[in-house]
Amino acid sequence: MLLEALGYSGGSLGDQLKAAKKQGWLAGVDTPLANALEDLVKWVVSVRKQRSNAHDAQSPDQRDAELMVRLVGLLVLRFGPDVPEE
């Protein structure tokens, strides 16, 4: 949702991240972060395939879910729109 709100569309999270990188998001000094996010997306897909209820696998790990929620929250804080102070 963050990438979509920033104007980067795609059929999957990986596609959105590729579009964002292609358009210069997380370039320069932030390039290592972009690369890390790509690796993180690969990890999420792997965990989902191996541990998703939709694939008759073991139950998802709550720690994995909490990690993703926290990481996305931090990305929103870092890259989301500035909220004016009152």
C-alpha atoms as a PDB file:
ATOM      1  CA  MET A   1       0.000   0.000   0.000  1.00  0.00           C
ATOM      2  CA  LEU A   2       2.890   2.363   0.731  1.00  0.00           C
ATOM      3  CA  LEU A   3       4.441   1.825  -2.692  1.00  0.00           C
ATOM      4  CA  GLU A   4       1.061   2.246  -4.366  1.00  0.00           C
ATOM      5  CA  ALA A   5       0.427   5.460  -2.423  1.00  0.00           C
ATOM      6  CA  LEU A   6       3.813   6.716  -3.600  1.00  0.00           C
ATOM      7  CA  GLY A   7       2.749   6.018  -7.202  1.00  0.00           C
ATOM      8  CA  TYR A   8       4.555   2.738  -7.857  1.00  0.00           C
ATOM      9  CA  SER A   9       2.165   0.189  -9.319  1.00  0.00           C
ATOM     10  CA  GLY A  10       2.585  -3.467 -10.172  1.00  0.00           C
ATOM     11  CA  GLY A  11       0.887  -6.828  -9.994  1.00  0.00           C
ATOM     12  CA  SER A  12       2.867  -7.901  -6.934  1.00  0.00           C
ATOM     13  CA  LEU A  13       4.955  -6.368  -4.199  1.00  0.00           C
ATOM     14  CA  GLY A  14       8.089  -7.372  -6.075  1.00  0.00           C
ATOM     15  CA  ASP A  15       6.809  -5.657  -9.234  1.00  0.00           C
ATOM     16  CA  GLN A  16       6.034  -2.497  -7.278  1.00  0.00           C
ATOM     17  CA  LEU A  17       9.494  -2.479  -5.729  1.00  0.00           C
ATOM     18  CA  LYS A  18      11.103  -2.940  -9.156  1.00  0.00           C
ATOM     19  CA  ALA A  19       9.032  -0.036 -10.534  1.00  0.00           C
ATOM     20  CA  ALA A  20      10.050   2.129  -7.583  1.00  0.00           C
ATOM     21  CA  LYS A  21      13.739   1.351  -8.094  1.00  0.00           C
ATOM     22  CA  LYS A  22      13.455   1.972 -11.842  1.00  0.00           C
ATOM     23  CA  GLN A  23      11.950   5.406 -11.158  1.00  0.00           C
ATOM     24  CA  GLY A  24      14.757   6.309  -8.766  1.00  0.00           C
ATOM     25  CA  TRP A  25      13.197   5.602  -5.365  1.00  0.00           C
ATOM     26  CA  LEU A  26      15.876   4.523  -2.895  1.00  0.00           C
ATOM     27  CA  ALA A  27      18.700   5.479  -5.218  1.00  0.00           C
ATOM     28  CA  GLY A  28      22.122   6.791  -4.298  1.00  0.00           C
ATOM     29  CA  VAL A  29      22.890   6.398  -0.631  1.00  0.00           C
ATOM     30  CA  ASP A  30      19.626   4.444  -0.156  1.00  0.00           C
ATOM     31  CA  THR A  31      20.513   1.778  -2.761  1.00  0.00           C
ATOM     32  CA  PRO A  32      21.575  -0.783  -0.112  1.00  0.00           C
ATOM     33  CA  LEU A  33      18.164  -0.329   1.541  1.00  0.00           C
ATOM     34  CA  ALA A  34      16.443  -0.980  -1.810  1.00  0.00           C
ATOM     35  CA  ASN A  35      18.495  -4.144  -2.243  1.00  0.00           C
ATOM     36  CA  ALA A  36      17.685  -5.260   1.291  1.00  0.00           C
ATOM     37  CA  LEU A  37      13.973  -4.688   0.663  1.00  0.00           C
ATOM     38  CA  GLU A  38      14.139  -6.842  -2.473  1.00  0.00           C
ATOM     39  CA  ASP A  39      15.727  -9.630  -0.436  1.00  0.00           C
ATOM     40  CA  LEU A  40      13.098  -9.151   2.262  1.00  0.00           C
ATOM     41  CA  VAL A  41      10.309  -9.521  -0.302  1.00  0.00           C
ATOM     42  CA  LYS A  42      11.902 -12.775  -1.493  1.00  0.00           C
ATOM     43  CA  TRP A  43      11.996 -13.969   2.115  1.00  0.00           C
ATOM     44  CA  VAL A  44       8.333 -13.080   2.654  1.00  0.00           C
ATOM     45  CA  VAL A  45       7.318 -14.989  -0.473  1.00  0.00           C
ATOM     46  CA  SER A  46       9.347 -17.997   0.668  1.00  0.00           C
ATOM     47  CA  VAL A  47       7.831 -17.958   4.154  1.00  0.00           C
ATOM     48  CA  ARG A  48       4.349 -17.577   2.698  1.00  0.00           C
ATOM     49  CA  LYS A  49       4.860 -20.543   0.388  1.00  0.00           C
ATOM     50  CA  GLN A  50       6.254 -22.744   3.136  1.00  0.00           C
ATOM     51  CA  ARG A  51       4.091 -21.703   6.074  1.00  0.00           C
ATOM     52  CA  SER A  52       0.824 -20.438   4.663  1.00  0.00           C
ATOM     53  CA  ASN A  53      -2.453 -21.976   5.733  1.00  0.00           C
ATOM     54  CA  ALA A  54      -3.465 -21.749   2.072  1.00  0.00           C
ATOM     55  CA  HIS A  55      -0.795 -24.310   1.205  1.00  0.00           C
ATOM     56  CA  ASP A  56      -1.656 -26.906   3.893  1.00  0.00           C
ATOM     57  CA  ALA A  57       1.570 -26.168   5.688  1.00  0.00           C
ATOM     58  CA  GLN A  58       2.275 -25.506   9.333  1.00  0.00           C
ATOM     59  CA  SER A  59       0.669 -22.500  10.947  1.00  0.00           C
ATOM     60  CA  PRO A  60       2.342 -19.169  10.208  1.00  0.00           C
ATOM     61  CA  ASP A  61       4.746 -17.964  12.859  1.00  0.00           C
ATOM     62  CA  GLN A  62       3.403 -14.966  14.761  1.00  0.00           C
ATOM     63  CA  ARG A  63       6.950 -13.612  15.072  1.00  0.00           C
ATOM     64  CA  ASP A  64       7.288 -13.518  11.279  1.00  0.00           C
ATOM     65  CA  ALA A  65       4.031 -11.601  11.011  1.00  0.00           C
ATOM     66  CA  GLU A  66       5.056  -9.171  13.746  1.00  0.00           C
ATOM     67  CA  LEU A  67       8.400  -8.577  12.051  1.00  0.00           C
ATOM     68  CA  MET A  68       6.659  -7.659   8.796  1.00  0.00           C
ATOM     69  CA  VAL A  69       4.181  -5.332  10.507  1.00  0.00           C
ATOM     70  CA  ARG A  70       6.995  -3.520  12.301  1.00  0.00           C
ATOM     71  CA  LEU A  71       9.168  -3.239   9.179  1.00  0.00           C
ATOM     72  CA  VAL A  72       6.321  -1.866   7.094  1.00  0.00           C
ATOM     73  CA  GLY A  73       5.456   0.573   9.870  1.00  0.00           C
ATOM     74  CA  LEU A  74       9.027   1.846   9.916  1.00  0.00           C
ATOM     75  CA  LEU A  75       9.033   2.237   6.126  1.00  0.00           C
ATOM     76  CA  VAL A  76       5.806   4.221   6.291  1.00  0.00           C
ATOM     77  CA  LEU A  77       7.311   6.490   8.939  1.00  0.00           C
ATOM     78  CA  ARG A  78      10.457   6.980   6.855  1.00  0.00           C
ATOM     79  CA  PHE A  79       8.940   7.361   3.393  1.00  0.00           C
ATOM     80  CA  GLY A  80       5.284   8.245   3.938  1.00  0.00           C
ATOM     81  CA  PRO A  81       3.970  11.767   3.658  1.00  0.00           C
ATOM     82  CA  ASP A  82       5.074  14.212   6.296  1.00  0.00           C
ATOM     83  CA  VAL A  83       2.451  14.871   8.913  1.00  0.00           C
ATOM     84  CA  PRO A  84       2.427  18.482  10.089  1.00  0.00           C
ATOM     85  CA  GLU A  85       2.902  18.988  13.796  1.00  0.00           C
ATOM     86  CA  GLU A  86       0.053  20.672  15.613  1.00  0.00           C
END
